[in-house]
C-alpha cells in the first residue's frame, strides 16, 4: 500500500463525492418530489427539503465512502496505467450503490455511458503499456460477467434486474484486465457478501423472506475485494 497515493486518492474521492452528491440525490428521487411532503424539488436538490426541512441524505457519507474507495484503489495500484480506469469505476460504483440502496434501481443514464468511457480508459492503458492482450481480456471479462448474470436472471426471474446485468459487465471489464481469476472471484464474492448480509438482516429482523434486497452494492463490494486482492498488473506511469 503506497500511502502517498492513498492520500491522493482520498482527496480526489472527497472532491468527486461532493461533486456527485446532487446527481445522486436527483436520481434517488426519480419523481423529483420530497418523500416527506411531496413538494417538487429543484433539478439539483440540496441535503434538505426547502419546504419541510426533511433530510434528503446523510451528511458527508457519500464523500467519505468515495474517499475510502479511491484511497484503497490508488494506494494499491497508484502509479500504474490502469489507475484512471479503476478510479472511474470506483467513483461510479459508490454513486450507483447509493442510488440502488435508496430506490433499488441502477439507472441506465449512469451505467450505459460508463461503458465507452471505461473501455477508452482501458484502451489508453493498453496502448501506453503495449499490452493489447489485457484489453482483449478485459472485453471478454465484461462480456462473460454480463452473460453470466443474464443467464442467472433468466433462470431465476426477479432475483437480478437489468441494472445488475449492466453493472456486472462494467465490473467484468476491470476484473478481466486483472485476470480470469479476478473475474471468477469478483463474480462469486458478490453473492457471498449478499448471502451473509441477508442472513444478518434476517436475524436482526430488518428484512423478511419476502423482502427485496438491492444486489448492486454487494456486486460492487465483491468486485472491489477481488480487485484489491489481485496481483501486480504491470506498467507504471512514466
Protein backbone atom coordinates (compact mmCIF):
# COMPACT_ATOMS: atom_id res chain seq x y z
CA UNK A 1 0.00 0.00 0.00
CA UNK A 2 1.52 3.30 -1.15
CA UNK A 3 0.46 5.85 1.47
CA UNK A 4 1.20 8.85 -0.74
CA UNK A 5 -1.05 7.57 -3.50
CA UNK A 6 -3.67 6.53 -0.93
CA UNK A 7 -3.76 10.07 0.47
CA UNK A 8 -4.08 11.49 -3.03
CA UNK A 9 -6.91 9.06 -3.77
CA UNK A 10 -8.71 10.11 -0.59
CA UNK A 11 -8.53 13.78 -1.59
CA UNK A 12 -9.77 13.03 -5.10
CA UNK A 13 -12.56 10.91 -3.58
CA UNK A 14 -13.74 13.70 -1.32
CA UNK A 15 -13.95 16.10 -4.25
CA UNK A 16 -15.64 13.55 -6.51
CA UNK A 17 -18.15 12.57 -3.84
CA UNK A 18 -19.09 16.20 -3.24
CA UNK A 19 -19.46 16.79 -6.99
CA UNK A 20 -21.71 13.75 -7.39
CA UNK A 21 -23.96 14.41 -4.41
CA UNK A 22 -26.51 16.47 -6.36
CA UNK A 23 -26.70 13.90 -9.16
CA UNK A 24 -27.10 11.01 -6.73
CA UNK A 25 -29.89 12.82 -4.89
CA UNK A 26 -31.68 13.68 -8.13
CA UNK A 27 -31.54 10.10 -9.39
CA UNK A 28 -32.61 8.80 -5.99
CA UNK A 29 -35.79 10.88 -6.27
CA UNK A 30 -36.93 9.93 -9.80
CA UNK A 31 -40.25 11.75 -9.48
CA UNK A 32 -38.45 14.90 -8.34
CA UNK A 33 -40.53 15.17 -5.16
CA UNK A 34 -39.64 15.22 -1.49
CA UNK A 35 -40.57 11.86 0.14
CA UNK A 36 -41.77 13.75 3.22
CA UNK A 37 -44.07 16.44 1.84
CA UNK A 38 -44.29 15.60 -1.90
CA UNK A 39 -43.14 19.10 -2.78
CA UNK A 40 -41.34 19.44 -6.09
CA UNK A 41 -37.60 19.82 -5.70
CA UNK A 42 -35.16 21.60 -7.97
CA UNK A 43 -33.02 19.92 -10.59
CA UNK A 44 -30.12 19.74 -8.12
CA UNK A 45 -31.68 19.22 -4.67
CA UNK A 46 -29.76 20.11 -1.53
CA UNK A 47 -29.29 17.99 1.54
CA UNK A 48 -32.64 19.10 2.98
CA UNK A 49 -36.04 19.77 1.51
CA UNK A 50 -36.52 23.57 1.38
CA UNK A 51 -40.24 23.12 2.12
CA UNK A 52 -40.44 20.72 5.09
CA UNK A 53 -36.80 20.57 6.16
CA UNK A 54 -36.58 16.77 5.83
CA UNK A 55 -33.03 15.47 5.40
CA UNK A 56 -32.62 14.01 1.91
CA UNK A 57 -29.22 12.48 2.58
CA UNK A 58 -26.78 11.85 5.40
CA UNK A 59 -24.06 14.50 5.67
CA UNK A 60 -20.64 13.56 4.26
CA UNK A 61 -21.40 9.83 3.88
CA UNK A 62 -21.10 9.83 0.09
CA UNK A 63 -17.89 11.86 0.20
CA UNK A 64 -16.28 9.68 2.88
CA UNK A 65 -17.17 6.40 1.19
CA UNK A 66 -15.84 7.65 -2.15
CA UNK A 67 -12.66 8.83 -0.43
CA UNK A 68 -12.19 5.43 1.22
CA UNK A 69 -12.69 3.51 -2.02
CA UNK A 70 -10.28 5.68 -4.00
CA UNK A 71 -7.73 5.61 -1.18
CA UNK A 72 -7.75 1.80 -1.33
CA UNK A 73 -7.55 1.68 -5.14
CA UNK A 74 -4.91 4.39 -5.50
CA UNK A 75 -2.89 3.01 -2.62
CA UNK A 76 -2.92 -0.45 -4.20
CA UNK A 77 -2.45 0.50 -7.86
CA UNK A 78 -1.14 4.08 -7.72
CA UNK A 79 1.32 4.83 -10.50
CA UNK A 80 0.03 2.04 -12.74
CA UNK A 81 -1.55 2.91 -16.04
CA UNK A 82 -4.87 1.31 -15.17
CA UNK A 83 -5.40 3.55 -12.13
CA UNK A 84 -7.65 6.01 -14.01
CA UNK A 85 -9.99 3.21 -15.10
CA UNK A 86 -10.08 1.80 -11.59
CA UNK A 87 -10.76 5.23 -10.11
CA UNK A 88 -13.54 5.90 -12.59
CA UNK A 89 -15.27 2.63 -11.73
CA UNK A 90 -14.74 3.30 -8.03
CA UNK A 91 -16.43 6.70 -8.12
CA UNK A 92 -19.24 5.45 -10.35
CA UNK A 93 -19.71 2.40 -8.16
CA UNK A 94 -20.20 4.45 -4.99
CA UNK A 95 -22.80 6.62 -6.74
CA UNK A 96 -24.65 3.60 -8.13
CA UNK A 97 -24.59 1.79 -4.79
CA UNK A 98 -26.04 4.85 -3.04
CA UNK A 99 -28.87 5.06 -5.57
CA UNK A 100 -29.55 1.32 -5.52
CA UNK A 101 -29.79 1.27 -1.71
CA UNK A 102 -32.38 4.07 -1.77
CA UNK A 103 -34.61 3.09 -4.69
CA UNK A 104 -33.39 -0.40 -5.74
CA UNK A 105 -32.53 0.80 -9.20
CA UNK A 106 -29.33 1.21 -11.21
CA UNK A 107 -30.08 3.99 -13.73
CA UNK A 108 -29.22 3.41 -17.38
CA UNK A 109 -28.15 7.06 -17.63
CA UNK A 110 -25.14 6.13 -15.48
CA UNK A 111 -24.38 2.53 -16.45
CA UNK A 112 -24.66 2.75 -20.23
CA UNK A 113 -22.45 5.84 -20.83
CA UNK A 114 -19.88 4.30 -18.49
CA UNK A 115 -19.11 1.52 -20.99
CA UNK A 116 -17.41 3.65 -23.67
CA UNK A 117 -15.63 5.74 -21.01
CA UNK A 118 -14.24 2.69 -19.22
CA UNK A 119 -13.27 0.96 -22.47
CA UNK A 120 -11.42 4.09 -23.67
CA UNK A 121 -9.54 4.37 -20.37
CA UNK A 122 -8.54 0.71 -20.55
CA UNK A 123 -7.56 1.10 -24.21
CA UNK A 124 -5.31 4.06 -23.36
CA UNK A 125 -3.65 1.99 -20.63
CA UNK A 126 -3.23 -0.93 -23.02
CA UNK A 127 -1.72 1.19 -25.81
CA UNK A 128 0.59 3.08 -23.47
CA UNK A 129 1.73 -0.15 -21.85
CA UNK A 130 1.90 -2.10 -25.13
CA UNK A 131 -0.42 -4.71 -23.65
CA UNK A 132 -3.33 -5.23 -26.05
CA UNK A 133 -3.85 -8.72 -24.67
CA UNK A 134 -5.01 -7.16 -21.39
CA UNK A 135 -7.56 -5.06 -23.29
CA UNK A 136 -8.85 -8.13 -25.10
CA UNK A 137 -9.13 -10.00 -21.82
CA UNK A 138 -10.99 -7.03 -20.29
CA UNK A 139 -13.55 -7.04 -23.10
CA UNK A 140 -14.05 -10.77 -22.76
CA UNK A 141 -14.30 -10.44 -18.98
CA UNK A 142 -17.02 -7.84 -19.29
CA UNK A 143 -18.91 -9.99 -21.77
CA UNK A 144 -18.53 -13.09 -19.59
CA UNK A 145 -19.84 -11.43 -16.43
CA UNK A 146 -22.74 -9.73 -18.20
CA UNK A 147 -23.68 -13.01 -19.91
CA UNK A 148 -23.38 -14.94 -16.67
CA UNK A 149 -25.64 -12.54 -14.80
CA UNK A 150 -28.09 -12.51 -17.70
CA UNK A 151 -28.29 -16.30 -17.55
CA UNK A 152 -28.89 -16.21 -13.80
CA UNK A 153 -31.57 -13.58 -14.29
CA UNK A 154 -33.33 -15.79 -16.83
CA UNK A 155 -33.08 -18.91 -14.65
CA UNK A 156 -34.37 -17.12 -11.54
CA UNK A 157 -36.59 -14.22 -12.66
CA UNK A 158 -36.88 -11.38 -10.17
CA UNK A 159 -33.57 -12.09 -8.43
CA UNK A 160 -31.43 -9.93 -10.71
CA UNK A 161 -32.52 -6.87 -12.64
CA UNK A 162 -31.32 -5.39 -15.91
CA UNK A 163 -29.28 -2.83 -13.99
CA UNK A 164 -27.40 -5.61 -12.18
CA UNK A 165 -26.55 -7.25 -15.51
CA UNK A 166 -25.22 -3.99 -16.97
CA UNK A 167 -23.24 -3.28 -13.81
CA UNK A 168 -21.76 -6.79 -13.92
CA UNK A 169 -20.46 -6.06 -17.40
CA UNK A 170 -18.73 -2.90 -16.18
CA UNK A 171 -17.13 -4.73 -13.25
CA UNK A 172 -16.11 -7.54 -15.60
CA UNK A 173 -14.17 -5.12 -17.80
CA UNK A 174 -11.83 -4.15 -14.97
CA UNK A 175 -11.71 -7.62 -13.45
CA UNK A 176 -10.90 -9.08 -16.87
CA UNK A 177 -7.98 -6.68 -17.22
CA UNK A 178 -6.60 -8.02 -13.95
CA UNK A 179 -7.04 -11.67 -14.94
CA UNK A 180 -9.54 -14.50 -15.16
CA UNK A 181 -9.05 -15.39 -11.50
CA UNK A 182 -10.16 -11.86 -10.60
CA UNK A 183 -13.27 -12.30 -12.77
CA UNK A 184 -14.13 -15.56 -11.00
CA UNK A 185 -13.52 -14.17 -7.53
CA UNK A 186 -15.34 -10.92 -8.24
CA UNK A 187 -18.40 -12.72 -9.56
CA UNK A 188 -18.52 -15.14 -6.62
CA UNK A 189 -17.79 -12.67 -3.83
CA UNK A 190 -20.79 -10.54 -4.72
CA UNK A 191 -23.12 -13.44 -3.95
CA UNK A 192 -21.17 -14.35 -0.81
CA UNK A 193 -21.49 -10.81 0.55
CA UNK A 194 -25.18 -10.68 -0.37
CA UNK A 195 -25.81 -14.01 1.36
CA UNK A 196 -24.02 -13.01 4.56
CA UNK A 197 -25.72 -9.61 4.68
CA UNK A 198 -29.14 -11.18 4.08
CA UNK A 199 -28.63 -13.60 6.96
CA UNK A 200 -27.64 -10.75 9.27
CA UNK A 201 -30.63 -8.66 8.19
CA UNK A 202 -32.97 -11.61 8.70
CA UNK A 203 -31.50 -12.36 12.13
CA UNK A 204 -31.96 -8.74 13.18
CA UNK A 205 -35.44 -8.63 11.62
CA UNK A 206 -34.53 -5.77 9.32
CA UNK A 207 -35.97 -7.73 6.38
CA UNK A 208 -38.24 -10.73 5.85
CA UNK A 209 -38.01 -13.69 3.48
CA UNK A 210 -40.22 -11.76 1.05
CA UNK A 211 -38.16 -8.56 1.10
CA UNK A 212 -36.23 -7.44 -1.96
CA UNK A 213 -32.60 -6.59 -1.25
CA UNK A 214 -30.54 -4.37 -3.56
CA UNK A 215 -27.81 -6.52 -5.11
CA UNK A 216 -25.75 -3.78 -6.74
CA UNK A 217 -23.77 -2.79 -3.60
CA UNK A 218 -22.77 -6.42 -2.98
CA UNK A 219 -21.75 -6.92 -6.60
CA UNK A 220 -19.57 -3.82 -6.33
CA UNK A 221 -18.20 -4.85 -2.95
CA UNK A 222 -17.22 -8.26 -4.29
CA UNK A 223 -15.55 -6.68 -7.30
CA UNK A 224 -13.63 -4.27 -5.05
CA UNK A 225 -12.33 -7.11 -2.86
CA UNK A 226 -11.25 -9.08 -5.94
CA UNK A 227 -9.52 -6.02 -7.40
CA UNK A 228 -7.61 -5.29 -4.20
CA UNK A 229 -6.59 -8.95 -3.85
CA UNK A 230 -5.29 -9.23 -7.43
CA UNK A 231 -1.60 -9.45 -8.20
CA UNK A 232 0.60 -6.85 -9.92
CA UNK A 233 -0.71 -5.75 -13.30
CA UNK A 234 2.43 -4.34 -14.84
CA UNK A 235 3.20 -0.99 -16.41
CA UNK A 236 3.54 2.18 -14.36
CA UNK A 237 3.05 5.82 -15.32
CA UNK A 238 6.41 7.14 -16.58
